[in-house]
Amino acid sequence: MKKKETKPKNQNTDDLFPFHKENYKFLFLGLILLALGFILMIGGGSDNPNVFNKSIFDAQRLTVAPLLLIAGFVVEMWAVLKRPAPKK
């Protein structure tokens, strides 16, 4: 017969959750960066297919938005992988 594993009585239930308050802060920051990056990529098309619109090649769409997306994904990974600081 197997022994049942019991948690120590002095163990806090907060230690059982993988995410803590700081993880959620980074998670929402990453989501904001991702949303902002995708919003900056919107637009630049032309209403008339016979007219070329140069705004599709703006620096906003070619450099700023992808950098925000990369930063957002890095922050999201950090939020998932970050361990809470040990309590003293």
C-alpha atoms as a PDB file:
ATOM      1  CA  MET A   1       0.000   0.000   0.000  1.00  0.00           C
ATOM      2  CA  LYS A   2       1.308   3.465  -0.924  1.00  0.00           C
ATOM      3  CA  LYS A   3       1.779   6.226   1.569  1.00  0.00           C
ATOM      4  CA  LYS A   4      -0.203   9.349   0.931  1.00  0.00           C
ATOM      5  CA  GLU A   5       1.962  12.385   0.460  1.00  0.00           C
ATOM      6  CA  THR A   6       0.851  15.259   2.604  1.00  0.00           C
ATOM      7  CA  LYS A   7       2.087  18.791   2.482  1.00  0.00           C
ATOM      8  CA  PRO A   8       3.749  20.185   5.574  1.00  0.00           C
ATOM      9  CA  LYS A   9       1.388  22.145   7.776  1.00  0.00           C
ATOM     10  CA  ASN A  10       3.554  25.250   7.691  1.00  0.00           C
ATOM     11  CA  GLN A  11       3.619  25.428   3.869  1.00  0.00           C
ATOM     12  CA  ASN A  12       1.802  28.440   2.467  1.00  0.00           C
ATOM     13  CA  THR A  13      -0.759  27.849  -0.282  1.00  0.00           C
ATOM     14  CA  ASP A  14       0.766  30.711  -2.309  1.00  0.00           C
ATOM     15  CA  ASP A  15       3.825  28.534  -2.867  1.00  0.00           C
ATOM     16  CA  LEU A  16       1.698  26.005  -4.748  1.00  0.00           C
ATOM     17  CA  PHE A  17       0.680  28.417  -7.520  1.00  0.00           C
ATOM     18  CA  PRO A  18       3.131  28.706 -10.410  1.00  0.00           C
ATOM     19  CA  PHE A  19       2.296  32.373 -11.094  1.00  0.00           C
ATOM     20  CA  HIS A  20       2.527  35.160  -8.575  1.00  0.00           C
ATOM     21  CA  LYS A  21       1.591  38.824  -8.653  1.00  0.00           C
ATOM     22  CA  GLU A  22       4.842  39.852 -10.337  1.00  0.00           C
ATOM     23  CA  ASN A  23       4.393  37.210 -13.061  1.00  0.00           C
ATOM     24  CA  TYR A  24       0.949  38.584 -13.882  1.00  0.00           C
ATOM     25  CA  LYS A  25       2.321  42.131 -14.091  1.00  0.00           C
ATOM     26  CA  PHE A  26       4.884  41.018 -16.678  1.00  0.00           C
ATOM     27  CA  LEU A  27       2.237  38.974 -18.476  1.00  0.00           C
ATOM     28  CA  PHE A  28      -0.068  41.975 -18.911  1.00  0.00           C
ATOM     29  CA  LEU A  29       2.858  44.228 -19.881  1.00  0.00           C
ATOM     30  CA  GLY A  30       3.775  41.743 -22.621  1.00  0.00           C
ATOM     31  CA  LEU A  31       0.179  41.624 -23.831  1.00  0.00           C
ATOM     32  CA  ILE A  32       0.076  45.423 -24.026  1.00  0.00           C
ATOM     33  CA  LEU A  33       3.314  45.482 -26.039  1.00  0.00           C
ATOM     34  CA  LEU A  34       1.971  42.814 -28.405  1.00  0.00           C
ATOM     35  CA  ALA A  35      -1.329  44.624 -28.891  1.00  0.00           C
ATOM     36  CA  LEU A  36       0.452  47.922 -29.540  1.00  0.00           C
ATOM     37  CA  GLY A  37       2.766  46.257 -32.069  1.00  0.00           C
ATOM     38  CA  PHE A  38      -0.136  44.742 -33.984  1.00  0.00           C
ATOM     39  CA  ILE A  39      -2.085  48.018 -33.884  1.00  0.00           C
ATOM     40  CA  LEU A  40       0.893  49.883 -35.359  1.00  0.00           C
ATOM     41  CA  MET A  41       1.008  47.396 -38.249  1.00  0.00           C
ATOM     42  CA  ILE A  42      -2.598  48.089 -39.230  1.00  0.00           C
ATOM     43  CA  GLY A  43      -3.325  50.096 -42.356  1.00  0.00           C
ATOM     44  CA  GLY A  44      -1.219  51.332 -45.207  1.00  0.00           C
ATOM     45  CA  GLY A  45      -3.406  49.818 -47.894  1.00  0.00           C
ATOM     46  CA  SER A  46      -4.980  51.639 -50.777  1.00  0.00           C
ATOM     47  CA  ASP A  47      -8.677  51.948 -51.525  1.00  0.00           C
ATOM     48  CA  ASN A  48      -8.003  51.800 -55.245  1.00  0.00           C
ATOM     49  CA  PRO A  49      -5.940  48.765 -56.376  1.00  0.00           C
ATOM     50  CA  ASN A  50      -4.553  50.767 -59.314  1.00  0.00           C
ATOM     51  CA  VAL A  51      -2.988  53.408 -57.031  1.00  0.00           C
ATOM     52  CA  PHE A  52       0.186  52.632 -55.093  1.00  0.00           C
ATOM     53  CA  ASN A  53       0.266  53.900 -51.504  1.00  0.00           C
ATOM     54  CA  LYS A  54       3.762  54.462 -50.092  1.00  0.00           C
ATOM     55  CA  SER A  55       2.530  54.467 -46.495  1.00  0.00           C
ATOM     56  CA  ILE A  56       2.820  50.674 -46.408  1.00  0.00           C
ATOM     57  CA  PHE A  57       6.598  51.137 -46.212  1.00  0.00           C
ATOM     58  CA  ASP A  58       6.616  53.549 -43.261  1.00  0.00           C
ATOM     59  CA  ALA A  59       9.219  53.127 -40.540  1.00  0.00           C
ATOM     60  CA  GLN A  60       6.350  52.558 -38.134  1.00  0.00           C
ATOM     61  CA  ARG A  61       5.296  49.370 -39.924  1.00  0.00           C
ATOM     62  CA  LEU A  62       8.748  48.120 -40.887  1.00  0.00           C
ATOM     63  CA  THR A  63      10.770  48.767 -37.711  1.00  0.00           C
ATOM     64  CA  VAL A  64       8.804  50.046 -34.720  1.00  0.00           C
ATOM     65  CA  ALA A  65       5.946  47.533 -34.813  1.00  0.00           C
ATOM     66  CA  PRO A  66       8.147  44.424 -35.246  1.00  0.00           C
ATOM     67  CA  LEU A  67      10.463  45.605 -32.458  1.00  0.00           C
ATOM     68  CA  LEU A  68       7.466  46.025 -30.157  1.00  0.00           C
ATOM     69  CA  LEU A  69       6.268  42.539 -31.082  1.00  0.00           C
ATOM     70  CA  ILE A  70       9.666  41.000 -30.353  1.00  0.00           C
ATOM     71  CA  ALA A  71       9.820  42.863 -27.043  1.00  0.00           C
ATOM     72  CA  GLY A  72       6.301  41.674 -26.212  1.00  0.00           C
ATOM     73  CA  PHE A  73       7.180  38.033 -26.873  1.00  0.00           C
ATOM     74  CA  VAL A  74      10.371  38.316 -24.806  1.00  0.00           C
ATOM     75  CA  VAL A  75       8.431  39.828 -21.891  1.00  0.00           C
ATOM     76  CA  GLU A  76       5.830  37.042 -22.196  1.00  0.00           C
ATOM     77  CA  MET A  77       8.535  34.372 -22.019  1.00  0.00           C
ATOM     78  CA  TRP A  78      10.085  36.141 -19.046  1.00  0.00           C
ATOM     79  CA  ALA A  79       6.696  36.244 -17.303  1.00  0.00           C
ATOM     80  CA  VAL A  80       6.227  32.509 -17.732  1.00  0.00           C
ATOM     81  CA  LEU A  81       9.747  31.473 -16.765  1.00  0.00           C
ATOM     82  CA  LYS A  82      10.351  33.878 -13.867  1.00  0.00           C
ATOM     83  CA  ARG A  83      10.437  32.294 -10.439  1.00  0.00           C
ATOM     84  CA  PRO A  84       9.398  34.319  -7.411  1.00  0.00           C
ATOM     85  CA  ALA A  85      12.096  35.515  -5.046  1.00  0.00           C
ATOM     86  CA  PRO A  86      12.417  33.313  -1.963  1.00  0.00           C
ATOM     87  CA  LYS A  87      10.783  34.734   1.128  1.00  0.00           C
ATOM     88  CA  LYS A  88      13.018  35.365   4.106  1.00  0.00           C
END
